[in-house]
Amino acid sequence: MIILMIILWREGWLKPLSDLDIGGNLCSLCRQGFRDWEFVTSCEFCELGIMHNNCADKHIFDQHKDDLEKKIKLQRERRLHDFQ
């Protein structure tokens, strides 16, 4: 059996670098506050703002599925390293 998996990742960062660096204390999607130490990210397809990683996953799958599929097609034939 052969299983094909496509892996895409985004760069998350640990909050707080500084509240001034990343914006407000609320997730742009769920409007819940961030914990003292938490990984956050943003959407690469729009400028919604800083959000929890889980919120970003949901947002991208719900709102940018076509954009995500286009990105997968663009990256499919593009090898980044010799070992891939």
C-alpha atoms as a PDB file:
ATOM      1  CA  MET A   1       0.000   0.000   0.000  1.00  0.00           C
ATOM      2  CA  ILE A   2       1.334   3.432  -0.926  1.00  0.00           C
ATOM      3  CA  ILE A   3       0.116   6.468   0.982  1.00  0.00           C
ATOM      4  CA  LEU A   4       0.605   9.918  -0.519  1.00  0.00           C
ATOM      5  CA  MET A   5       0.656  12.822   1.879  1.00  0.00           C
ATOM      6  CA  ILE A   6       0.989  16.502   1.065  1.00  0.00           C
ATOM      7  CA  ILE A   7       2.585  18.586   3.782  1.00  0.00           C
ATOM      8  CA  LEU A   8       2.383  22.350   3.830  1.00  0.00           C
ATOM      9  CA  TRP A   9       3.411  24.405   6.804  1.00  0.00           C
ATOM     10  CA  ARG A  10       3.282  27.976   7.923  1.00  0.00           C
ATOM     11  CA  GLU A  11       5.658  29.782  10.162  1.00  0.00           C
ATOM     12  CA  GLY A  12       4.211  30.175  13.605  1.00  0.00           C
ATOM     13  CA  TRP A  13       5.859  32.114  16.359  1.00  0.00           C
ATOM     14  CA  LEU A  14       5.700  32.044  20.099  1.00  0.00           C
ATOM     15  CA  LYS A  15       3.636  34.817  21.619  1.00  0.00           C
ATOM     16  CA  PRO A  16       4.673  37.084  23.170  1.00  0.00           C
ATOM     17  CA  LEU A  17       7.614  38.330  21.219  1.00  0.00           C
ATOM     18  CA  SER A  18       6.228  41.677  22.198  1.00  0.00           C
ATOM     19  CA  ASP A  19       2.624  42.801  22.112  1.00  0.00           C
ATOM     20  CA  LEU A  20       3.774  45.743  20.036  1.00  0.00           C
ATOM     21  CA  ASP A  21       5.325  43.400  17.467  1.00  0.00           C
ATOM     22  CA  ILE A  22       2.313  41.184  16.857  1.00  0.00           C
ATOM     23  CA  GLY A  23      -0.695  43.354  17.519  1.00  0.00           C
ATOM     24  CA  GLY A  24      -3.507  42.958  20.000  1.00  0.00           C
ATOM     25  CA  ASN A  25      -4.132  40.417  22.687  1.00  0.00           C
ATOM     26  CA  LEU A  26      -7.159  38.876  20.940  1.00  0.00           C
ATOM     27  CA  CYS A  27      -7.319  36.262  18.194  1.00  0.00           C
ATOM     28  CA  SER A  28      -8.601  37.880  14.995  1.00  0.00           C
ATOM     29  CA  LEU A  29     -10.888  34.933  14.311  1.00  0.00           C
ATOM     30  CA  CYS A  30     -12.347  33.651  17.596  1.00  0.00           C
ATOM     31  CA  ARG A  31     -11.823  36.908  19.530  1.00  0.00           C
ATOM     32  CA  GLN A  32     -10.475  34.924  22.523  1.00  0.00           C
ATOM     33  CA  GLY A  33      -7.432  36.180  24.361  1.00  0.00           C
ATOM     34  CA  PHE A  34      -4.008  34.640  23.913  1.00  0.00           C
ATOM     35  CA  ARG A  35      -2.421  32.771  26.817  1.00  0.00           C
ATOM     36  CA  ASP A  36       0.883  33.955  28.260  1.00  0.00           C
ATOM     37  CA  TRP A  37       2.895  31.546  26.071  1.00  0.00           C
ATOM     38  CA  GLU A  38       1.204  30.345  22.922  1.00  0.00           C
ATOM     39  CA  PHE A  39       2.042  29.700  19.284  1.00  0.00           C
ATOM     40  CA  VAL A  40       0.259  32.118  16.978  1.00  0.00           C
ATOM     41  CA  THR A  41       0.268  32.713  13.245  1.00  0.00           C
ATOM     42  CA  SER A  42      -1.475  34.664  10.497  1.00  0.00           C
ATOM     43  CA  CYS A  43      -3.176  33.806   7.211  1.00  0.00           C
ATOM     44  CA  GLU A  44      -0.870  33.935   4.214  1.00  0.00           C
ATOM     45  CA  PHE A  45      -3.809  34.463   1.848  1.00  0.00           C
ATOM     46  CA  CYS A  46      -5.405  37.508   3.488  1.00  0.00           C
ATOM     47  CA  GLU A  47      -4.618  40.089   6.124  1.00  0.00           C
ATOM     48  CA  LEU A  48      -7.035  38.971   8.820  1.00  0.00           C
ATOM     49  CA  GLY A  49      -4.442  39.386  11.558  1.00  0.00           C
ATOM     50  CA  ILE A  50      -2.838  37.319  14.294  1.00  0.00           C
ATOM     51  CA  MET A  51      -4.701  34.193  15.384  1.00  0.00           C
ATOM     52  CA  HIS A  52      -4.316  30.893  17.213  1.00  0.00           C
ATOM     53  CA  ASN A  53      -2.796  28.109  15.089  1.00  0.00           C
ATOM     54  CA  ASN A  54      -6.029  26.079  15.320  1.00  0.00           C
ATOM     55  CA  CYS A  55      -8.093  29.094  14.281  1.00  0.00           C
ATOM     56  CA  ALA A  56      -5.776  29.669  11.319  1.00  0.00           C
ATOM     57  CA  ASP A  57      -6.209  26.038  10.213  1.00  0.00           C
ATOM     58  CA  LYS A  58      -9.993  26.368  10.319  1.00  0.00           C
ATOM     59  CA  HIS A  59      -9.948  29.771   8.586  1.00  0.00           C
ATOM     60  CA  ILE A  60      -7.689  28.597   5.753  1.00  0.00           C
ATOM     61  CA  PHE A  61      -9.662  25.383   5.123  1.00  0.00           C
ATOM     62  CA  ASP A  62     -13.009  27.223   5.255  1.00  0.00           C
ATOM     63  CA  GLN A  63     -12.154  30.451   3.435  1.00  0.00           C
ATOM     64  CA  HIS A  64      -9.162  29.730   1.205  1.00  0.00           C
ATOM     65  CA  LYS A  65      -9.571  26.163  -0.020  1.00  0.00           C
ATOM     66  CA  ASP A  66      -9.134  27.203  -3.682  1.00  0.00           C
ATOM     67  CA  ASP A  67      -6.017  29.234  -2.828  1.00  0.00           C
ATOM     68  CA  LEU A  68      -4.645  26.284  -0.887  1.00  0.00           C
ATOM     69  CA  GLU A  69      -5.224  23.911  -3.807  1.00  0.00           C
ATOM     70  CA  LYS A  70      -3.456  26.356  -6.150  1.00  0.00           C
ATOM     71  CA  LYS A  71      -0.495  26.499  -3.760  1.00  0.00           C
ATOM     72  CA  ILE A  72      -0.337  22.700  -3.656  1.00  0.00           C
ATOM     73  CA  LYS A  73      -0.319  22.524  -7.467  1.00  0.00           C
ATOM     74  CA  LEU A  74       2.443  25.138  -7.684  1.00  0.00           C
ATOM     75  CA  GLN A  75       4.591  23.360  -5.109  1.00  0.00           C
ATOM     76  CA  ARG A  76       3.980  19.806  -6.316  1.00  0.00           C
ATOM     77  CA  GLU A  77       6.698  19.774  -8.960  1.00  0.00           C
ATOM     78  CA  ARG A  78       9.028  22.124  -7.142  1.00  0.00           C
ATOM     79  CA  ARG A  79      11.650  20.299  -5.115  1.00  0.00           C
ATOM     80  CA  LEU A  80      13.306  22.294  -2.411  1.00  0.00           C
ATOM     81  CA  HIS A  81      16.110  19.893  -1.492  1.00  0.00           C
ATOM     82  CA  ASP A  82      17.906  16.982  -3.141  1.00  0.00           C
ATOM     83  CA  PHE A  83      16.638  14.554  -0.493  1.00  0.00           C
ATOM     84  CA  GLN A  84      12.963  15.268  -1.193  1.00  0.00           C
END
